[in-house]
Amino acid sequence: MSKHLARTAAVGTVLHLSQAEGGFTLPPLLPRRLLMISGGSGITPVMSMLRTLVDFRYEGRITFVHYARTPEETIFAAELDEVAELPNVDLHVFHTRTGAKRLNELQLRAVAPSYA
């Protein structure tokens, strides 16, 4: 949104913003498998959940799918590399400016066949 506003909002445009709303948390009873999907800066709350799972030594299967424009724009890239070494984490990072498609059903079935 910020890039859109920077390109299109006229000087003097007034924006009315409110607090973030909604619940975006891990479920109280964790399932045996988790699918986490994020894009761009939306990775921030998902990384918080992932860190919590790692800290609590969650033993279930985690499939983490993240989309970024380029490798250089992948937020938390070094930490994601570390998490990818965990035996219960399947990490998939897609770079949309270097040829990867945006999220679609075919791609999701390939990386997380049991997502449904």
PDB file of N, CA and C in Angstrom:
ATOM      1  N   MET A   1       0.807  -1.181   0.000  1.00  0.00           N
ATOM      2  CA  MET A   1       0.000   0.000   0.000  1.00  0.00           C
ATOM      3  C   MET A   1       0.863   1.263   0.000  1.00  0.00           C
ATOM      4  N   SER A   2       1.958   1.235   0.754  1.00  0.00           N
ATOM      5  CA  SER A   2       2.772   2.442   0.867  1.00  0.00           C
ATOM      6  C   SER A   2       3.358   2.853  -0.480  1.00  0.00           C
ATOM      7  N   LYS A   3       3.778   1.889  -1.296  1.00  0.00           N
ATOM      8  CA  LYS A   3       4.314   2.247  -2.613  1.00  0.00           C
ATOM      9  C   LYS A   3       3.221   2.852  -3.492  1.00  0.00           C
ATOM     10  N   HIS A   4       2.030   2.303  -3.413  1.00  0.00           N
ATOM     11  CA  HIS A   4       0.904   2.839  -4.177  1.00  0.00           C
ATOM     12  C   HIS A   4       0.639   4.291  -3.771  1.00  0.00           C
ATOM     13  N   LEU A   5       0.599   4.548  -2.472  1.00  0.00           N
ATOM     14  CA  LEU A   5       0.362   5.913  -2.004  1.00  0.00           C
ATOM     15  C   LEU A   5       1.485   6.850  -2.427  1.00  0.00           C
ATOM     16  N   ALA A   6       2.714   6.384  -2.343  1.00  0.00           N
ATOM     17  CA  ALA A   6       3.846   7.231  -2.723  1.00  0.00           C
ATOM     18  C   ALA A   6       3.768   7.615  -4.198  1.00  0.00           C
ATOM     19  N   ARG A   7       3.257   6.719  -5.025  1.00  0.00           N
ATOM     20  CA  ARG A   7       3.168   6.991  -6.459  1.00  0.00           C
ATOM     21  C   ARG A   7       1.933   7.804  -6.831  1.00  0.00           C
ATOM     22  N   THR A   8       0.837   7.622  -6.106  1.00  0.00           N
ATOM     23  CA  THR A   8      -0.428   8.180  -6.587  1.00  0.00           C
ATOM     24  C   THR A   8      -1.066   9.238  -5.707  1.00  0.00           C
ATOM     25  N   ALA A   9      -0.750   9.288  -4.431  1.00  0.00           N
ATOM     26  CA  ALA A   9      -1.402  10.269  -3.552  1.00  0.00           C
ATOM     27  C   ALA A   9      -0.874  11.673  -3.828  1.00  0.00           C
ATOM     28  N   ALA A  10      -1.778  12.602  -3.936  1.00  0.00           N
ATOM     29  CA  ALA A  10      -1.401  13.997  -4.177  1.00  0.00           C
ATOM     30  C   ALA A  10      -1.002  14.664  -2.864  1.00  0.00           C
ATOM     31  N   VAL A  11      -0.157  15.668  -2.959  1.00  0.00           N
ATOM     32  CA  VAL A  11       0.213  16.449  -1.788  1.00  0.00           C
ATOM     33  C   VAL A  11      -1.069  16.988  -1.163  1.00  0.00           C
ATOM     34  N   GLY A  12      -1.189  16.835   0.140  1.00  0.00           N
ATOM     35  CA  GLY A  12      -2.368  17.311   0.857  1.00  0.00           C
ATOM     36  C   GLY A  12      -3.451  16.258   1.031  1.00  0.00           C
ATOM     37  N   THR A  13      -3.268  15.089   0.449  1.00  0.00           N
ATOM     38  CA  THR A  13      -4.240  14.017   0.630  1.00  0.00           C
ATOM     39  C   THR A  13      -4.299  13.644   2.109  1.00  0.00           C
ATOM     40  N   VAL A  14      -5.492  13.520   2.634  1.00  0.00           N
ATOM     41  CA  VAL A  14      -5.673  13.159   4.037  1.00  0.00           C
ATOM     42  C   VAL A  14      -6.095  11.693   4.101  1.00  0.00           C
ATOM     43  N   LEU A  15      -5.390  10.930   4.910  1.00  0.00           N
ATOM     44  CA  LEU A  15      -5.712   9.518   5.104  1.00  0.00           C
ATOM     45  C   LEU A  15      -6.235   9.319   6.520  1.00  0.00           C
ATOM     46  N   HIS A  16      -7.249   8.517   6.653  1.00  0.00           N
ATOM     47  CA  HIS A  16      -7.788   8.184   7.966  1.00  0.00           C
ATOM     48  C   HIS A  16      -7.423   6.734   8.255  1.00  0.00           C
ATOM     49  N   LEU A  17      -6.634   6.521   9.288  1.00  0.00           N
ATOM     50  CA  LEU A  17      -6.163   5.192   9.637  1.00  0.00           C
ATOM     51  C   LEU A  17      -6.707   4.788  10.994  1.00  0.00           C
ATOM     52  N   SER A  18      -6.770   3.506  11.221  1.00  0.00           N
ATOM     53  CA  SER A  18      -7.217   3.004  12.522  1.00  0.00           C
ATOM     54  C   SER A  18      -6.246   1.934  12.993  1.00  0.00           C
ATOM     55  N   GLN A  19      -6.460   1.466  14.190  1.00  0.00           N
ATOM     56  CA  GLN A  19      -5.645   0.392  14.739  1.00  0.00           C
ATOM     57  C   GLN A  19      -5.825  -0.868  13.906  1.00  0.00           C
ATOM     58  N   ALA A  20      -4.815  -1.705  13.909  1.00  0.00           N
ATOM     59  CA  ALA A  20      -4.959  -3.016  13.278  1.00  0.00           C
ATOM     60  C   ALA A  20      -6.014  -3.789  14.053  1.00  0.00           C
ATOM     61  N   GLU A  21      -6.779  -4.592  13.352  1.00  0.00           N
ATOM     62  CA  GLU A  21      -7.858  -5.337  13.994  1.00  0.00           C
ATOM     63  C   GLU A  21      -7.782  -6.806  13.632  1.00  0.00           C
ATOM     64  N   GLY A  22      -8.488  -7.605  14.394  1.00  0.00           N
ATOM     65  CA  GLY A  22      -8.594  -9.024  14.104  1.00  0.00           C
ATOM     66  C   GLY A  22      -7.655  -9.850  14.954  1.00  0.00           C
ATOM     67  N   GLY A  23      -7.831 -11.131  14.880  1.00  0.00           N
ATOM     68  CA  GLY A  23      -6.993 -12.055  15.621  1.00  0.00           C
ATOM     69  C   GLY A  23      -6.094 -12.829  14.676  1.00  0.00           C
ATOM     70  N   PHE A  24      -4.823 -12.767  14.905  1.00  0.00           N
ATOM     71  CA  PHE A  24      -3.867 -13.471  14.056  1.00  0.00           C
ATOM     72  C   PHE A  24      -2.887 -14.149  14.989  1.00  0.00           C
ATOM     73  N   THR A  25      -3.299 -15.274  15.534  1.00  0.00           N
ATOM     74  CA  THR A  25      -2.507 -15.970  16.535  1.00  0.00           C
ATOM     75  C   THR A  25      -2.513 -17.468  16.251  1.00  0.00           C
ATOM     76  N   LEU A  26      -1.617 -18.159  16.920  1.00  0.00           N
ATOM     77  CA  LEU A  26      -1.623 -19.616  16.839  1.00  0.00           C
ATOM     78  C   LEU A  26      -2.838 -20.144  17.592  1.00  0.00           C
ATOM     79  N   PRO A  27      -3.387 -21.270  17.148  1.00  0.00           N
ATOM     80  CA  PRO A  27      -4.521 -21.846  17.876  1.00  0.00           C
ATOM     81  C   PRO A  27      -4.062 -22.398  19.225  1.00  0.00           C
ATOM     82  N   PRO A  28      -4.938 -22.392  20.215  1.00  0.00           N
ATOM     83  CA  PRO A  28      -4.548 -22.901  21.541  1.00  0.00           C
ATOM     84  C   PRO A  28      -4.115 -24.373  21.506  1.00  0.00           C
ATOM     85  N   LEU A  29      -4.807 -25.172  20.716  1.00  0.00           N
ATOM     86  CA  LEU A  29      -4.422 -26.575  20.539  1.00  0.00           C
ATOM     87  C   LEU A  29      -3.798 -26.706  19.157  1.00  0.00           C
ATOM     88  N   LEU A  30      -2.507 -26.946  19.140  1.00  0.00           N
ATOM     89  CA  LEU A  30      -1.784 -26.997  17.869  1.00  0.00           C
ATOM     90  C   LEU A  30      -2.039 -28.312  17.143  1.00  0.00           C
ATOM     91  N   PRO A  31      -2.341 -28.234  15.852  1.00  0.00           N
ATOM     92  CA  PRO A  31      -2.515 -29.461  15.066  1.00  0.00           C
ATOM     93  C   PRO A  31      -1.164 -30.123  14.795  1.00  0.00           C
ATOM     94  N   ARG A  32      -1.212 -31.334  14.244  1.00  0.00           N
ATOM     95  CA  ARG A  32       0.028 -32.054  13.928  1.00  0.00           C
ATOM     96  C   ARG A  32       0.773 -31.424  12.758  1.00  0.00           C
ATOM     97  N   ARG A  33       0.039 -30.680  11.906  1.00  0.00           N
ATOM     98  CA  ARG A  33       0.648 -30.031  10.747  1.00  0.00           C
ATOM     99  C   ARG A  33       0.161 -28.587  10.673  1.00  0.00           C
ATOM    100  N   LEU A  34       1.090 -27.710  10.334  1.00  0.00           N
ATOM    101  CA  LEU A  34       0.752 -26.301  10.149  1.00  0.00           C
ATOM    102  C   LEU A  34       1.235 -25.838   8.783  1.00  0.00           C
ATOM    103  N   LEU A  35       0.414 -25.064   8.121  1.00  0.00           N
ATOM    104  CA  LEU A  35       0.796 -24.426   6.867  1.00  0.00           C
ATOM    105  C   LEU A  35       0.772 -22.928   7.117  1.00  0.00           C
ATOM    106  N   MET A  36       1.915 -22.282   6.933  1.00  0.00           N
ATOM    107  CA  MET A  36       2.030 -20.849   7.154  1.00  0.00           C
ATOM    108  C   MET A  36       2.416 -20.207   5.824  1.00  0.00           C
ATOM    109  N   ILE A  37       1.648 -19.198   5.408  1.00  0.00           N
ATOM    110  CA  ILE A  37       1.887 -18.535   4.129  1.00  0.00           C
ATOM    111  C   ILE A  37       1.999 -17.035   4.384  1.00  0.00           C
ATOM    112  N   SER A  38       3.036 -16.428   3.825  1.00  0.00           N
ATOM    113  CA  SER A  38       3.201 -14.984   3.979  1.00  0.00           C
ATOM    114  C   SER A  38       3.774 -14.389   2.704  1.00  0.00           C
ATOM    115  N   GLY A  39       3.659 -13.081   2.601  1.00  0.00           N
ATOM    116  CA  GLY A  39       4.219 -12.366   1.472  1.00  0.00           C
ATOM    117  C   GLY A  39       4.750 -11.014   1.908  1.00  0.00           C
ATOM    118  N   GLY A  40       5.926 -10.657   1.389  1.00  0.00           N
ATOM    119  CA  GLY A  40       6.512  -9.352   1.691  1.00  0.00           C
ATOM    120  C   GLY A  40       6.665  -9.119   3.179  1.00  0.00           C
ATOM    121  N   SER A  41       6.256  -7.926   3.631  1.00  0.00           N
ATOM    122  CA  SER A  41       6.385  -7.599   5.053  1.00  0.00           C
ATOM    123  C   SER A  41       5.361  -8.326   5.904  1.00  0.00           C
ATOM    124  N   GLY A  42       4.405  -9.010   5.274  1.00  0.00           N
ATOM    125  CA  GLY A  42       3.444  -9.820   6.013  1.00  0.00           C
ATOM    126  C   GLY A  42       4.091 -10.985   6.735  1.00  0.00           C
ATOM    127  N   ILE A  43       5.366 -11.199   6.471  1.00  0.00           N
ATOM    128  CA  ILE A  43       6.102 -12.256   7.151  1.00  0.00           C
ATOM    129  C   ILE A  43       6.297 -11.942   8.640  1.00  0.00           C
ATOM    130  N   THR A  44       6.233 -10.672   9.015  1.00  0.00           N
ATOM    131  CA  THR A  44       6.572 -10.268  10.381  1.00  0.00           C
ATOM    132  C   THR A  44       5.750 -10.998  11.445  1.00  0.00           C
ATOM    133  N   PRO A  45       4.410 -10.988  11.403  1.00  0.00           N
ATOM    134  CA  PRO A  45       3.678 -11.723  12.441  1.00  0.00           C
ATOM    135  C   PRO A  45       3.833 -13.236  12.323  1.00  0.00           C
ATOM    136  N   VAL A  46       4.023 -13.720  11.107  1.00  0.00           N
ATOM    137  CA  VAL A  46       4.187 -15.164  10.912  1.00  0.00           C
ATOM    138  C   VAL A  46       5.526 -15.617  11.499  1.00  0.00           C
ATOM    139  N   MET A  47       6.563 -14.797  11.353  1.00  0.00           N
ATOM    140  CA  MET A  47       7.860 -15.122  11.969  1.00  0.00           C
ATOM    141  C   MET A  47       7.748 -15.172  13.477  1.00  0.00           C
ATOM    142  N   SER A  48       6.949 -14.296  14.046  1.00  0.00           N
ATOM    143  CA  SER A  48       6.732 -14.312  15.492  1.00  0.00           C
ATOM    144  C   SER A  48       6.142 -15.653  15.920  1.00  0.00           C
ATOM    145  N   MET A  49       5.160 -16.134  15.169  1.00  0.00           N
ATOM    146  CA  MET A  49       4.561 -17.438  15.468  1.00  0.00           C
ATOM    147  C   MET A  49       5.572 -18.557  15.288  1.00  0.00           C
ATOM    148  N   LEU A  50       6.346 -18.485  14.228  1.00  0.00           N
ATOM    149  CA  LEU A  50       7.344 -19.513  13.966  1.00  0.00           C
ATOM    150  C   LEU A  50       8.379 -19.558  15.092  1.00  0.00           C
ATOM    151  N   ARG A  51       8.821 -18.396  15.547  1.00  0.00           N
ATOM    152  CA  ARG A  51       9.772 -18.347  16.668  1.00  0.00           C
ATOM    153  C   ARG A  51       9.174 -18.977  17.916  1.00  0.00           C
ATOM    154  N   THR A  52       7.903 -18.704  18.158  1.00  0.00           N
ATOM    155  CA  THR A  52       7.220 -19.295  19.313  1.00  0.00           C
ATOM    156  C   THR A  52       7.206 -20.810  19.199  1.00  0.00           C
ATOM    157  N   LEU A  53       6.878 -21.318  18.025  1.00  0.00           N
ATOM    158  CA  LEU A  53       6.863 -22.769  17.818  1.00  0.00           C
ATOM    159  C   LEU A  53       8.245 -23.372  18.053  1.00  0.00           C
ATOM    160  N   VAL A  54       9.268 -22.709  17.558  1.00  0.00           N
ATOM    161  CA  VAL A  54      10.645 -23.197  17.741  1.00  0.00           C
ATOM    162  C   VAL A  54      11.010 -23.162  19.220  1.00  0.00           C
ATOM    163  N   ASP A  55      10.706 -22.054  19.895  1.00  0.00           N
ATOM    164  CA  ASP A  55      11.030 -21.928  21.325  1.00  0.00           C
ATOM    165  C   ASP A  55      10.335 -22.993  22.164  1.00  0.00           C
ATOM    166  N   PHE A  56       9.095 -23.331  21.808  1.00  0.00           N
ATOM    167  CA  PHE A  56       8.341 -24.347  22.551  1.00  0.00           C
ATOM    168  C   PHE A  56       8.618 -25.767  22.063  1.00  0.00           C
ATOM    169  N   ARG A  57       9.571 -25.882  21.137  1.00  0.00           N
ATOM    170  CA  ARG A  57       9.968 -27.179  20.589  1.00  0.00           C
ATOM    171  C   ARG A  57       8.776 -27.971  20.017  1.00  0.00           C
ATOM    172  N   TYR A  58       7.966 -27.253  19.268  1.00  0.00           N
ATOM    173  CA  TYR A  58       6.842 -27.874  18.573  1.00  0.00           C
ATOM    174  C   TYR A  58       7.375 -28.986  17.682  1.00  0.00           C
ATOM    175  N   GLU A  59       6.797 -30.172  17.782  1.00  0.00           N
ATOM    176  CA  GLU A  59       7.304 -31.322  17.037  1.00  0.00           C
ATOM    177  C   GLU A  59       6.488 -31.649  15.797  1.00  0.00           C
ATOM    178  N   GLY A  60       5.396 -30.937  15.584  1.00  0.00           N
ATOM    179  CA  GLY A  60       4.588 -31.191  14.401  1.00  0.00           C
ATOM    180  C   GLY A  60       5.287 -30.704  13.143  1.00  0.00           C
ATOM    181  N   ARG A  61       4.685 -30.977  12.025  1.00  0.00           N
ATOM    182  CA  ARG A  61       5.243 -30.599  10.720  1.00  0.00           C
ATOM    183  C   ARG A  61       4.824 -29.171  10.396  1.00  0.00           C
ATOM    184  N   ILE A  62       5.777 -28.340   9.996  1.00  0.00           N
ATOM    185  CA  ILE A  62       5.505 -26.954   9.597  1.00  0.00           C
ATOM    186  C   ILE A  62       5.913 -26.787   8.136  1.00  0.00           C
ATOM    187  N   THR A  63       4.961 -26.378   7.322  1.00  0.00           N
ATOM    188  CA  THR A  63       5.272 -25.979   5.954  1.00  0.00           C
ATOM    189  C   THR A  63       5.139 -24.469   5.922  1.00  0.00           C
ATOM    190  N   PHE A  64       6.235 -23.797   5.621  1.00  0.00           N
ATOM    191  CA  PHE A  64       6.270 -22.334   5.609  1.00  0.00           C
ATOM    192  C   PHE A  64       6.509 -21.895   4.174  1.00  0.00           C
ATOM    193  N   VAL A  65       5.571 -21.145   3.617  1.00  0.00           N
ATOM    194  CA  VAL A  65       5.653 -20.662   2.245  1.00  0.00           C
ATOM    195  C   VAL A  65       5.702 -19.135   2.295  1.00  0.00           C
ATOM    196  N   HIS A  66       6.755 -18.567   1.725  1.00  0.00           N
ATOM    197  CA  HIS A  66       6.888 -17.108   1.734  1.00  0.00           C
ATOM    198  C   HIS A  66       7.175 -16.595   0.333  1.00  0.00           C
ATOM    199  N   TYR A  67       6.574 -15.449   0.029  1.00  0.00           N
ATOM    200  CA  TYR A  67       6.756 -14.796  -1.264  1.00  0.00           C
ATOM    201  C   TYR A  67       7.414 -13.443  -1.051  1.00  0.00           C
ATOM    202  N   ALA A  68       8.462 -13.184  -1.812  1.00  0.00           N
ATOM    203  CA  ALA A  68       9.138 -11.889  -1.809  1.00  0.00           C
ATOM    204  C   ALA A  68       9.469 -11.561  -3.259  1.00  0.00           C
ATOM    205  N   ARG A  69       9.674 -10.310  -3.534  1.00  0.00           N
ATOM    206  CA  ARG A  69       9.989  -9.932  -4.917  1.00  0.00           C
ATOM    207  C   ARG A  69      11.336 -10.485  -5.368  1.00  0.00           C
ATOM    208  N   THR A  70      12.348 -10.301  -4.535  1.00  0.00           N
ATOM    209  CA  THR A  70      13.703 -10.725  -4.893  1.00  0.00           C
ATOM    210  C   THR A  70      14.386 -11.293  -3.650  1.00  0.00           C
ATOM    211  N   PRO A  71      15.486 -12.007  -3.831  1.00  0.00           N
ATOM    212  CA  PRO A  71      16.230 -12.484  -2.653  1.00  0.00           C
ATOM    213  C   PRO A  71      16.654 -11.335  -1.738  1.00  0.00           C
ATOM    214  N   GLU A  72      17.020 -10.212  -2.318  1.00  0.00           N
ATOM    215  CA  GLU A  72      17.459  -9.068  -1.518  1.00  0.00           C
ATOM    216  C   GLU A  72      16.319  -8.457  -0.707  1.00  0.00           C
ATOM    217  N   GLU A  73      15.096  -8.664  -1.142  1.00  0.00           N
ATOM    218  CA  GLU A  73      13.932  -8.119  -0.436  1.00  0.00           C
ATOM    219  C   GLU A  73      13.275  -9.141   0.491  1.00  0.00           C
ATOM    220  N   THR A  74      13.932 -10.261   0.696  1.00  0.00           N
ATOM    221  CA  THR A  74      13.376 -11.285   1.578  1.00  0.00           C
ATOM    222  C   THR A  74      13.711 -10.929   3.024  1.00  0.00           C
ATOM    223  N   ILE A  75      12.708 -10.459   3.740  1.00  0.00           N
ATOM    224  CA  ILE A  75      12.885 -10.081   5.143  1.00  0.00           C
ATOM    225  C   ILE A  75      13.171 -11.348   5.951  1.00  0.00           C
ATOM    226  N   PHE A  76      14.069 -11.262   6.910  1.00  0.00           N
ATOM    227  CA  PHE A  76      14.454 -12.382   7.784  1.00  0.00           C
ATOM    228  C   PHE A  76      15.128 -13.530   7.022  1.00  0.00           C
ATOM    229  N   ALA A  77      15.755 -13.247   5.893  1.00  0.00           N
ATOM    230  CA  ALA A  77      16.339 -14.301   5.060  1.00  0.00           C
ATOM    231  C   ALA A  77      17.322 -15.172   5.834  1.00  0.00           C
ATOM    232  N   ALA A  78      18.208 -14.587   6.612  1.00  0.00           N
ATOM    233  CA  ALA A  78      19.196 -15.377   7.357  1.00  0.00           C
ATOM    234  C   ALA A  78      18.513 -16.260   8.393  1.00  0.00           C
ATOM    235  N   GLU A  79      17.517 -15.721   9.065  1.00  0.00           N
ATOM    236  CA  GLU A  79      16.796 -16.513  10.069  1.00  0.00           C
ATOM    237  C   GLU A  79      15.999 -17.636   9.404  1.00  0.00           C
ATOM    238  N   LEU A  80      15.440 -17.354   8.245  1.00  0.00           N
ATOM    239  CA  LEU A  80      14.725 -18.404   7.505  1.00  0.00           C
ATOM    240  C   LEU A  80      15.675 -19.533   7.120  1.00  0.00           C
ATOM    241  N   ASP A  81      16.887 -19.191   6.727  1.00  0.00           N
ATOM    242  CA  ASP A  81      17.877 -20.217   6.394  1.00  0.00           C
ATOM    243  C   ASP A  81      18.139 -21.115   7.599  1.00  0.00           C
ATOM    244  N   GLU A  82      18.215 -20.530   8.788  1.00  0.00           N
ATOM    245  CA  GLU A  82      18.435 -21.318  10.002  1.00  0.00           C
ATOM    246  C   GLU A  82      17.244 -22.224  10.295  1.00  0.00           C
ATOM    247  N   VAL A  83      16.055 -21.676  10.170  1.00  0.00           N
ATOM    248  CA  VAL A  83      14.830 -22.439  10.438  1.00  0.00           C
ATOM    249  C   VAL A  83      14.696 -23.598   9.453  1.00  0.00           C
ATOM    250  N   ALA A  84      15.127 -23.382   8.223  1.00  0.00           N
ATOM    251  CA  ALA A  84      15.032 -24.428   7.195  1.00  0.00           C
ATOM    252  C   ALA A  84      15.840 -25.666   7.564  1.00  0.00           C
ATOM    253  N   GLU A  85      16.816 -25.520   8.455  1.00  0.00           N
ATOM    254  CA  GLU A  85      17.636 -26.649   8.891  1.00  0.00           C
ATOM    255  C   GLU A  85      16.920 -27.536   9.904  1.00  0.00           C
ATOM    256  N   LEU A  86      15.820 -27.065  10.473  1.00  0.00           N
ATOM    257  CA  LEU A  86      15.092 -27.876  11.454  1.00  0.00           C
ATOM    258  C   LEU A  86      14.425 -29.052  10.761  1.00  0.00           C
ATOM    259  N   PRO A  87      14.437 -30.223  11.409  1.00  0.00           N
ATOM    260  CA  PRO A  87      13.917 -31.421  10.737  1.00  0.00           C
ATOM    261  C   PRO A  87      12.409 -31.413  10.476  1.00  0.00           C
ATOM    262  N   ASN A  88      11.651 -30.600  11.201  1.00  0.00           N
ATOM    263  CA  ASN A  88      10.195 -30.606  11.019  1.00  0.00           C
ATOM    264  C   ASN A  88       9.687 -29.413  10.211  1.00  0.00           C
ATOM    265  N   VAL A  89      10.600 -28.662   9.585  1.00  0.00           N
ATOM    266  CA  VAL A  89      10.198 -27.475   8.814  1.00  0.00           C
ATOM    267  C   VAL A  89      10.512 -27.671   7.336  1.00  0.00           C
ATOM    268  N   ASP A  90       9.493 -27.457   6.514  1.00  0.00           N
ATOM    269  CA  ASP A  90       9.660 -27.419   5.056  1.00  0.00           C
ATOM    270  C   ASP A  90       9.507 -25.960   4.652  1.00  0.00           C
ATOM    271  N   LEU A  91      10.596 -25.325   4.264  1.00  0.00           N
ATOM    272  CA  LEU A  91      10.578 -23.921   3.889  1.00  0.00           C
ATOM    273  C   LEU A  91      10.596 -23.782   2.373  1.00  0.00           C
ATOM    274  N   HIS A  92       9.716 -22.924   1.878  1.00  0.00           N
ATOM    275  CA  HIS A  92       9.649 -22.637   0.442  1.00  0.00           C
ATOM    276  C   HIS A  92       9.566 -21.124   0.281  1.00  0.00           C
ATOM    277  N   VAL A  93      10.605 -20.514  -0.275  1.00  0.00           N
ATOM    278  CA  VAL A  93      10.624 -19.074  -0.524  1.00  0.00           C
ATOM    279  C   VAL A  93      10.602 -18.866  -2.026  1.00  0.00           C
ATOM    280  N   PHE A  94       9.639 -18.104  -2.493  1.00  0.00           N
ATOM    281  CA  PHE A  94       9.475 -17.834  -3.915  1.00  0.00           C
ATOM    282  C   PHE A  94       9.736 -16.359  -4.184  1.00  0.00           C
ATOM    283  N   HIS A  95      10.500 -16.080  -5.239  1.00  0.00           N
ATOM    284  CA  HIS A  95      10.829 -14.706  -5.621  1.00  0.00           C
ATOM    285  C   HIS A  95      10.101 -14.370  -6.919  1.00  0.00           C
ATOM    286  N   THR A  96       9.091 -13.530  -6.809  1.00  0.00           N
ATOM    287  CA  THR A  96       8.202 -13.262  -7.938  1.00  0.00           C
ATOM    288  C   THR A  96       8.835 -12.418  -9.038  1.00  0.00           C
ATOM    289  N   ARG A  97       9.879 -11.672  -8.726  1.00  0.00           N
ATOM    290  CA  ARG A  97      10.526 -10.865  -9.762  1.00  0.00           C
ATOM    291  C   ARG A  97      11.621 -11.631 -10.486  1.00  0.00           C
ATOM    292  N   THR A  98      11.908 -12.836 -10.019  1.00  0.00           N
ATOM    293  CA  THR A  98      12.938 -13.630 -10.694  1.00  0.00           C
ATOM    294  C   THR A  98      12.343 -14.906 -11.287  1.00  0.00           C
ATOM    295  N   GLY A  99      11.027 -14.866 -11.558  1.00  0.00           N
ATOM    296  CA  GLY A  99      10.420 -15.962 -12.291  1.00  0.00           C
ATOM    297  C   GLY A  99       9.393 -16.796 -11.558  1.00  0.00           C
ATOM    298  N   ALA A 100       9.357 -16.745 -10.248  1.00  0.00           N
ATOM    299  CA  ALA A 100       8.374 -17.552  -9.519  1.00  0.00           C
ATOM    300  C   ALA A 100       6.983 -16.955  -9.692  1.00  0.00           C
ATOM    301  N   LYS A 101       6.001 -17.820  -9.776  1.00  0.00           N
ATOM    302  CA  LYS A 101       4.616 -17.378  -9.878  1.00  0.00           C
ATOM    303  C   LYS A 101       4.113 -16.973  -8.493  1.00  0.00           C
ATOM    304  N   ARG A 102       3.112 -16.125  -8.476  1.00  0.00           N
ATOM    305  CA  ARG A 102       2.450 -15.794  -7.214  1.00  0.00           C
ATOM    306  C   ARG A 102       1.672 -17.019  -6.749  1.00  0.00           C
ATOM    307  N   LEU A 103       1.240 -16.992  -5.505  1.00  0.00           N
ATOM    308  CA  LEU A 103       0.526 -18.123  -4.918  1.00  0.00           C
ATOM    309  C   LEU A 103      -0.610 -18.578  -5.824  1.00  0.00           C
ATOM    310  N   ASN A 104      -0.633 -19.888  -6.092  1.00  0.00           N
ATOM    311  CA  ASN A 104      -1.725 -20.473  -6.852  1.00  0.00           C
ATOM    312  C   ASN A 104      -1.929 -21.902  -6.366  1.00  0.00           C
ATOM    313  N   GLU A 105      -3.053 -22.489  -6.722  1.00  0.00           N
ATOM    314  CA  GLU A 105      -3.398 -23.812  -6.209  1.00  0.00           C
ATOM    315  C   GLU A 105      -2.399 -24.883  -6.636  1.00  0.00           C
ATOM    316  N   LEU A 106      -1.954 -24.855  -7.866  1.00  0.00           N
ATOM    317  CA  LEU A 106      -1.005 -25.853  -8.355  1.00  0.00           C
ATOM    318  C   LEU A 106       0.290 -25.811  -7.538  1.00  0.00           C
ATOM    319  N   GLN A 107       0.796 -24.617  -7.323  1.00  0.00           N
ATOM    320  CA  GLN A 107       2.020 -24.456  -6.540  1.00  0.00           C
ATOM    321  C   GLN A 107       1.805 -24.923  -5.095  1.00  0.00           C
ATOM    322  N   LEU A 108       0.656 -24.569  -4.527  1.00  0.00           N
ATOM    323  CA  LEU A 108       0.365 -24.962  -3.152  1.00  0.00           C
ATOM    324  C   LEU A 108       0.261 -26.482  -3.032  1.00  0.00           C
ATOM    325  N   ARG A 109      -0.361 -27.112  -3.996  1.00  0.00           N
ATOM    326  CA  ARG A 109      -0.436 -28.587  -3.975  1.00  0.00           C
ATOM    327  C   ARG A 109       0.955 -29.215  -4.076  1.00  0.00           C
ATOM    328  N   ALA A 110       1.870 -28.572  -4.784  1.00  0.00           N
ATOM    329  CA  ALA A 110       3.213 -29.121  -4.937  1.00  0.00           C
ATOM    330  C   ALA A 110       4.003 -29.048  -3.643  1.00  0.00           C
ATOM    331  N   VAL A 111       3.872 -27.952  -2.897  1.00  0.00           N
ATOM    332  CA  VAL A 111       4.669 -27.786  -1.672  1.00  0.00           C
ATOM    333  C   VAL A 111       3.972 -28.306  -0.420  1.00  0.00           C
ATOM    334  N   ALA A 112       2.648 -28.378  -0.465  1.00  0.00           N
ATOM    335  CA  ALA A 112       1.878 -28.839   0.701  1.00  0.00           C
ATOM    336  C   ALA A 112       0.681 -29.659   0.230  1.00  0.00           C
ATOM    337  N   PRO A 113       0.939 -30.869  -0.261  1.00  0.00           N
ATOM    338  CA  PRO A 113      -0.132 -31.672  -0.854  1.00  0.00           C
ATOM    339  C   PRO A 113      -1.307 -31.929   0.080  1.00  0.00           C
ATOM    340  N   SER A 114      -1.087 -31.902   1.374  1.00  0.00           N
ATOM    341  CA  SER A 114      -2.170 -32.196   2.312  1.00  0.00           C
ATOM    342  C   SER A 114      -2.822 -30.930   2.867  1.00  0.00           C
ATOM    343  N   TYR A 115      -2.605 -29.788   2.227  1.00  0.00           N
ATOM    344  CA  TYR A 115      -3.096 -28.528   2.794  1.00  0.00           C
ATOM    345  C   TYR A 115      -4.606 -28.515   3.002  1.00  0.00           C
ATOM    346  N   ALA A 116      -5.335 -29.165   2.137  1.00  0.00           N
ATOM    347  CA  ALA A 116      -6.806 -29.151   2.248  1.00  0.00           C
ATOM    348  C   ALA A 116      -7.250 -29.904   3.498  1.00  0.00           C
TER     349      ALA A 116
END
